[in-house]
Protein backbone atom coordinates (compact mmCIF):
# COMPACT_ATOMS: atom_id res chain seq x y z
CA UNK A 1 10.63 -2.79 25.10
CA UNK A 2 14.15 -1.55 24.49
CA UNK A 3 14.32 -3.18 21.07
CA UNK A 4 11.05 -1.70 20.06
CA UNK A 5 12.27 1.73 21.17
CA UNK A 6 15.36 1.31 19.03
CA UNK A 7 13.25 0.31 15.99
CA UNK A 8 11.00 3.45 16.55
CA UNK A 9 14.05 5.73 16.92
CA UNK A 10 15.53 4.38 13.59
CA UNK A 11 12.45 5.68 11.71
CA UNK A 12 12.83 9.15 13.20
CA UNK A 13 16.57 9.45 13.11
CA UNK A 14 18.54 7.08 10.81
CA UNK A 15 15.81 6.92 8.13
CA UNK A 16 14.44 10.47 8.67
CA UNK A 17 15.20 11.62 5.12
CA UNK A 18 14.18 8.44 3.32
CA UNK A 19 11.15 7.32 5.41
CA UNK A 20 9.89 9.75 7.94
CA UNK A 21 10.03 12.88 5.78
CA UNK A 22 8.39 11.36 2.73
CA UNK A 23 5.72 9.81 4.99
CA UNK A 24 4.92 13.25 6.48
CA UNK A 25 5.20 14.85 3.09
CA UNK A 26 2.55 12.52 1.58
CA UNK A 27 0.13 13.10 4.54
CA UNK A 28 0.40 16.87 3.93
CA UNK A 29 0.43 16.87 0.06
CA UNK A 30 -2.69 14.82 -0.12
CA UNK A 31 -4.44 15.91 3.09
CA UNK A 32 -4.84 12.36 4.27
CA UNK A 33 -5.64 12.92 7.95
CA UNK A 34 -8.17 15.35 9.39
CA UNK A 35 -8.99 16.17 12.97
CA UNK A 36 -10.78 13.42 14.89
CA UNK A 37 -10.32 10.78 12.16
CA UNK A 38 -10.46 7.25 13.48
CA UNK A 39 -8.14 5.23 11.21
CA UNK A 40 -7.82 1.40 10.95
CA UNK A 41 -4.21 0.57 10.14
CA UNK A 42 -4.33 -2.62 8.14
CA UNK A 43 -1.50 -4.99 8.94
CA UNK A 44 -0.86 -8.00 6.68
CA UNK A 45 2.47 -8.90 8.27
CA UNK A 46 4.64 -7.66 5.41
CA UNK A 47 7.35 -5.06 5.66
CA UNK A 48 5.11 -2.17 4.23
CA UNK A 49 2.22 -2.54 6.59
CA UNK A 50 4.31 -2.94 9.67
CA UNK A 51 6.35 0.10 8.81
CA UNK A 52 3.07 1.97 8.11
CA UNK A 53 1.77 1.00 11.51
CA UNK A 54 4.89 2.18 13.35
CA UNK A 55 5.00 5.50 11.36
CA UNK A 56 1.41 6.31 12.25
CA UNK A 57 1.88 5.22 15.85
CA UNK A 58 4.87 7.62 16.17
CA UNK A 59 2.93 10.40 14.51
CA UNK A 60 -0.02 9.99 16.86
CA UNK A 61 2.32 9.96 19.96
CA UNK A 62 4.72 12.78 19.04
CA UNK A 63 4.20 14.76 15.88
CA UNK A 64 0.55 15.21 14.80
CA UNK A 65 -0.81 18.66 14.29
CA UNK A 66 -4.34 17.40 14.61
CA UNK A 67 -5.84 14.81 16.98
CA UNK A 68 -6.73 11.44 15.50
CA UNK A 69 -7.20 7.87 16.75
CA UNK A 70 -5.77 4.62 15.58
CA UNK A 71 -6.94 1.01 15.56
CA UNK A 72 -4.61 -1.73 14.38
CA UNK A 73 -6.30 -4.39 12.35
CA UNK A 74 -4.63 -7.65 11.42
CA UNK A 75 -6.40 -10.24 9.24
CA UNK A 76 -5.41 -13.84 8.82
CA UNK A 77 -6.71 -14.79 5.34
CA UNK A 78 -5.59 -18.39 5.74
CA UNK A 79 -1.92 -18.27 6.68
CA UNK A 80 0.09 -21.41 7.48
CA UNK A 81 0.67 -21.77 11.22
CA UNK A 82 4.24 -20.64 11.00
CA UNK A 83 3.27 -17.43 9.16
CA UNK A 84 0.51 -16.69 11.63
CA UNK A 85 3.05 -17.10 14.50
CA UNK A 86 5.52 -14.78 12.77
CA UNK A 87 2.85 -12.09 12.41
CA UNK A 88 1.83 -12.43 16.03
CA UNK A 89 5.42 -12.26 17.13
CA UNK A 90 6.16 -9.10 15.15
CA UNK A 91 3.01 -7.46 16.58
CA UNK A 92 4.27 -8.14 20.12
CA UNK A 93 7.85 -7.03 19.22
CA UNK A 94 6.61 -3.77 17.77
CA UNK A 95 4.11 -3.23 20.48
CA UNK A 96 1.15 -2.91 18.11
CA UNK A 97 -2.11 -3.84 19.93
CA UNK A 98 -3.89 -5.25 16.93
CA UNK A 99 -7.43 -6.56 16.58
CA UNK A 100 -6.99 -10.04 15.03
CA UNK A 101 -9.64 -11.68 12.87
CA UNK A 102 -9.77 -14.55 10.43
CA UNK A 103 -11.21 -14.79 6.89
CA UNK A 104 -11.48 -17.53 4.24
CA UNK A 105 -9.83 -15.53 1.46
CA UNK A 106 -6.99 -17.94 0.58
CA UNK A 107 -9.40 -20.90 0.43
CA UNK A 108 -11.61 -18.95 -1.98
CA UNK A 109 -8.85 -17.67 -4.33
CA UNK A 110 -7.14 -21.00 -4.24
CA UNK A 111 -10.07 -22.42 -6.34
CA UNK A 112 -9.40 -19.95 -9.11
CA UNK A 113 -7.93 -21.80 -12.02
CA UNK A 114 -7.18 -19.10 -14.62
CA UNK A 115 -3.89 -17.17 -13.97
CA UNK A 116 -3.14 -15.68 -10.58
CA UNK A 117 -6.12 -14.46 -8.54
CA UNK A 118 -4.32 -11.59 -6.99
CA UNK A 119 -6.93 -9.06 -8.08
CA UNK A 120 -9.75 -11.10 -6.46
CA UNK A 121 -7.66 -11.54 -3.34
CA UNK A 122 -6.99 -7.84 -3.05
CA UNK A 123 -10.70 -6.95 -3.54
CA UNK A 124 -11.77 -9.50 -0.94
CA UNK A 125 -9.15 -8.31 1.56
CA UNK A 126 -10.32 -4.70 1.15
CA UNK A 127 -13.96 -5.64 1.69
CA UNK A 128 -13.22 -7.53 4.88
CA UNK A 129 -10.99 -4.69 6.16
CA UNK A 130 -13.64 -1.97 5.40
CA UNK A 131 -16.22 -4.15 7.25
CA UNK A 132 -14.24 -4.69 10.38
CA UNK A 133 -12.92 -1.11 10.38
CA UNK A 134 -16.47 0.21 10.33
CA UNK A 135 -17.34 -2.15 13.30
CA UNK A 136 -14.46 -0.56 15.23
CA UNK A 137 -15.95 2.91 14.57
CA UNK A 138 -13.31 3.95 12.03
CA UNK A 139 -13.93 6.30 9.05
CA UNK A 140 -10.66 5.45 7.27
CA UNK A 141 -8.43 2.46 6.51
CA UNK A 142 -4.69 2.93 5.85
CA UNK A 143 -2.80 0.59 3.54
CA UNK A 144 0.97 0.18 3.14
CA UNK A 145 1.33 0.82 -0.58
CA UNK A 146 4.49 2.64 -1.41
CA UNK A 147 6.08 4.69 -4.20
CA UNK A 148 7.22 1.70 -6.16
CA UNK A 149 3.66 0.28 -6.12
CA UNK A 150 2.42 3.54 -7.66
CA UNK A 151 4.83 3.70 -10.58
CA UNK A 152 4.53 -0.03 -11.27
CA UNK A 153 0.71 0.37 -11.49
CA UNK A 154 1.17 3.28 -13.94
CA UNK A 155 3.28 1.13 -16.30
CA UNK A 156 1.12 -1.97 -15.80
CA UNK A 157 -1.99 0.00 -16.76
CA UNK A 158 -0.36 1.27 -19.85
CA UNK A 159 1.38 -1.93 -21.05
CA UNK A 160 -1.14 -4.56 -19.99
CA UNK A 161 -4.38 -2.61 -19.50
CA UNK A 162 -4.23 -0.24 -22.41
CA UNK A 163 -5.18 2.71 -20.21
CA UNK A 164 -3.59 5.55 -18.24
CA UNK A 165 -4.24 5.00 -14.53
CA UNK A 166 -2.45 5.26 -11.28
CA UNK A 167 -2.80 4.10 -7.69
CA UNK A 168 -4.46 7.08 -5.96
CA UNK A 169 -3.04 8.42 -2.57
CA UNK A 170 -6.66 8.33 -1.17
CA UNK A 171 -10.01 7.04 -2.29
CA UNK A 172 -13.65 7.18 -1.16
CA UNK A 173 -15.07 3.73 -0.80
CA UNK A 174 -17.83 2.95 -3.38
CA UNK A 175 -19.30 0.04 -1.25
CA UNK A 176 -18.95 1.46 2.29
CA UNK A 177 -20.50 4.90 2.45
CA UNK A 178 -18.52 7.43 4.51
CA UNK A 179 -15.34 5.26 4.50
CA UNK A 180 -12.07 6.34 2.92
CA UNK A 181 -8.77 4.61 2.02
CA UNK A 182 -5.46 6.33 2.48
CA UNK A 183 -1.83 5.40 1.55
CA UNK A 184 0.53 7.35 3.82
CA UNK A 185 3.70 5.63 2.41
CA UNK A 186 2.88 7.04 -1.09
CA UNK A 187 6.24 8.83 -1.29
CA UNK A 188 8.39 6.17 0.42
CA UNK A 189 10.66 3.96 -1.79
CA UNK A 190 10.54 0.24 -1.40
CA UNK A 191 14.36 -0.06 -1.16
CA UNK A 192 14.30 2.20 1.92
CA UNK A 193 11.63 0.01 3.53
CA UNK A 194 13.83 -2.97 2.91
CA UNK A 195 16.86 -1.19 4.34
CA UNK A 196 14.88 -0.30 7.48
CA UNK A 197 13.86 -3.90 8.01
CA UNK A 198 17.41 -5.19 7.54
CA UNK A 199 18.91 -2.61 9.80
CA UNK A 200 16.47 -3.71 12.55
CA UNK A 201 16.90 -7.43 11.71
CA UNK A 202 13.26 -7.84 11.21
CA UNK A 203 11.68 -10.79 9.47
CA UNK A 204 8.45 -10.12 7.59
CA UNK A 205 5.85 -12.22 5.79
CA UNK A 206 6.06 -12.18 1.93
CA UNK A 207 2.76 -12.85 0.16
CA UNK A 208 2.29 -16.13 2.17
CA UNK A 209 -0.26 -17.25 -0.37
CA UNK A 210 -0.17 -20.84 -1.59
CA UNK A 211 -1.33 -19.64 -5.08
CA UNK A 212 1.63 -17.27 -5.33
CA UNK A 213 4.00 -19.97 -4.15
CA UNK A 214 2.83 -22.17 -7.05
CA UNK A 215 2.99 -19.47 -9.72
CA UNK A 216 6.34 -18.14 -8.78
CA UNK A 217 7.85 -21.54 -9.44
CA UNK A 218 7.06 -20.85 -13.09
CA UNK A 219 6.82 -17.51 -14.75
CA UNK A 220 6.75 -14.37 -12.68
CA UNK A 221 3.75 -12.15 -12.31
CA UNK A 222 3.13 -9.05 -14.44
CA UNK A 223 4.19 -6.89 -11.51
CA UNK A 224 7.47 -8.78 -11.30
CA UNK A 225 8.01 -8.13 -15.00
CA UNK A 226 7.31 -4.42 -14.52
CA UNK A 227 9.70 -4.31 -11.56
CA UNK A 228 12.41 -5.85 -13.73
CA UNK A 229 11.67 -3.40 -16.53
CA UNK A 230 11.97 -0.39 -14.20
CA UNK A 231 15.15 -1.75 -12.75
CA UNK A 232 16.66 -1.97 -16.19
CA UNK A 233 15.56 1.48 -17.17
CA UNK A 234 16.91 2.83 -13.91
CA UNK A 235 20.42 1.78 -14.99
CA UNK A 236 20.09 3.94 -18.07
CA UNK A 237 18.31 6.90 -16.40
CA UNK A 238 18.41 7.22 -12.58
CA UNK A 239 15.47 9.63 -12.79
CA UNK A 240 13.15 7.16 -14.41
CA UNK A 241 11.20 6.54 -11.20
CA UNK A 242 10.30 10.13 -10.80
CA UNK A 243 9.59 10.64 -14.43
CA UNK A 244 7.06 7.82 -14.41
CA UNK A 245 5.42 9.24 -11.26
CA UNK A 246 5.28 12.79 -12.56
CA UNK A 247 3.72 11.65 -15.83
CA UNK A 248 0.59 11.02 -13.82
CA UNK A 249 0.73 14.59 -12.51
CA UNK A 250 1.66 16.34 -15.75
CA UNK A 251 -1.17 15.11 -18.08
CA UNK A 252 -1.74 17.56 -20.83
CA UNK A 253 -5.32 17.06 -21.98
CA UNK A 254 -4.60 18.91 -25.25
CA UNK A 255 -2.35 16.10 -26.43
CA UNK A 256 -4.59 13.21 -25.27
CA UNK A 257 -6.80 11.49 -27.83
CA UNK A 258 -9.59 11.00 -25.28
CA UNK A 259 -10.21 10.78 -21.60
CA UNK A 260 -12.97 9.64 -19.28
CA UNK A 261 -14.65 11.62 -16.53
CA UNK A 262 -17.12 9.23 -14.82
CA UNK A 263 -19.40 7.87 -17.50
CA UNK A 264 -18.60 10.72 -19.87
CA UNK A 265 -15.86 10.27 -22.61
CA UNK A 266 -14.25 13.38 -24.13
CA UNK A 267 -12.54 13.15 -27.49
CA UNK A 268 -10.08 15.63 -28.91
CA UNK A 269 -12.40 15.66 -31.95
CA UNK A 270 -15.27 17.11 -29.90
CA UNK A 271 -13.85 20.59 -30.22
CA UNK A 272 -11.21 20.21 -32.92
CA UNK A 273 -12.97 22.28 -35.42
C-alpha cells in the first residue's frame, strides 16, 4: 500500500507540470467527462494505460468537479503466461480492481500473412472493449493514447495515407450506439510517461504480440519510422512537436485543394469563379 501511495503522489507532485496538468487540461479542453459518466478505463498492461488508470483514479478520488464512476477493464488477447502475470502483478501493485477477460485476438491476427496486422488488432481490441464496457453499464471507454501518438498519426496519414487526419481526443462509436471513446492523455508526452515509470521502478508490457516480435526482427513499423523522423526533426527545431500538433488545429480551408465532410467533397473550384 505504501508503494502505491508513493506512485500516486509522484503523479500529483513530481510530475504535476508534465503529467497531471496536461491530463487535466485535455479533459477540460475537449470536455471529455460529464456528470454521471460511467467510464471503462481500458488497461493493456503498457505504461500508457496504467498511467491513465491511476490519473483517472486520482481525479475521481480527489479532484473532480463533477461526479463520475470508473470501471477498470483488462483484456488478455493471448499473452504469454509471463506477460499475463506481469499485468496481474501491476494491477495489484497499483491497486486497480480490474475486470479481467480473455479474447482470441492474437490467435486471429497471427494468421495474417501480409505485413503487420496492427490495424486489425486495434479494431478487434476496440470492439471487445466496447462490448464488455457496455455490459458493465459504461457509456464511455478511456484509452491511453498520448501526445506523441497524435502527432505521429498526423504525419503517418500524410506520408503513407495521402490524407490529412489526426487522432481525435474523443469519438462517438459507430458500432455501439450511445458509447463514446475518450483519450485523457492527449496532451501528455511519451517521454514524461517513460520518466514516471522509471522513477517508480515500474516494469510494463510492451506490445507483447508474437507478430510484432517477428516483424521487429526485420524492418521497423511505419510508426517506428515516423518516430525516428520526428526525433531527427526535433534536433533541428525543438518546436516541431507542437508545430505538427497545431497544424491539425490551424487548417485554412481557403488554401486546401479539397476537403471531405461526411460523404460530401468540397473543392476549391466549386466557388473559385
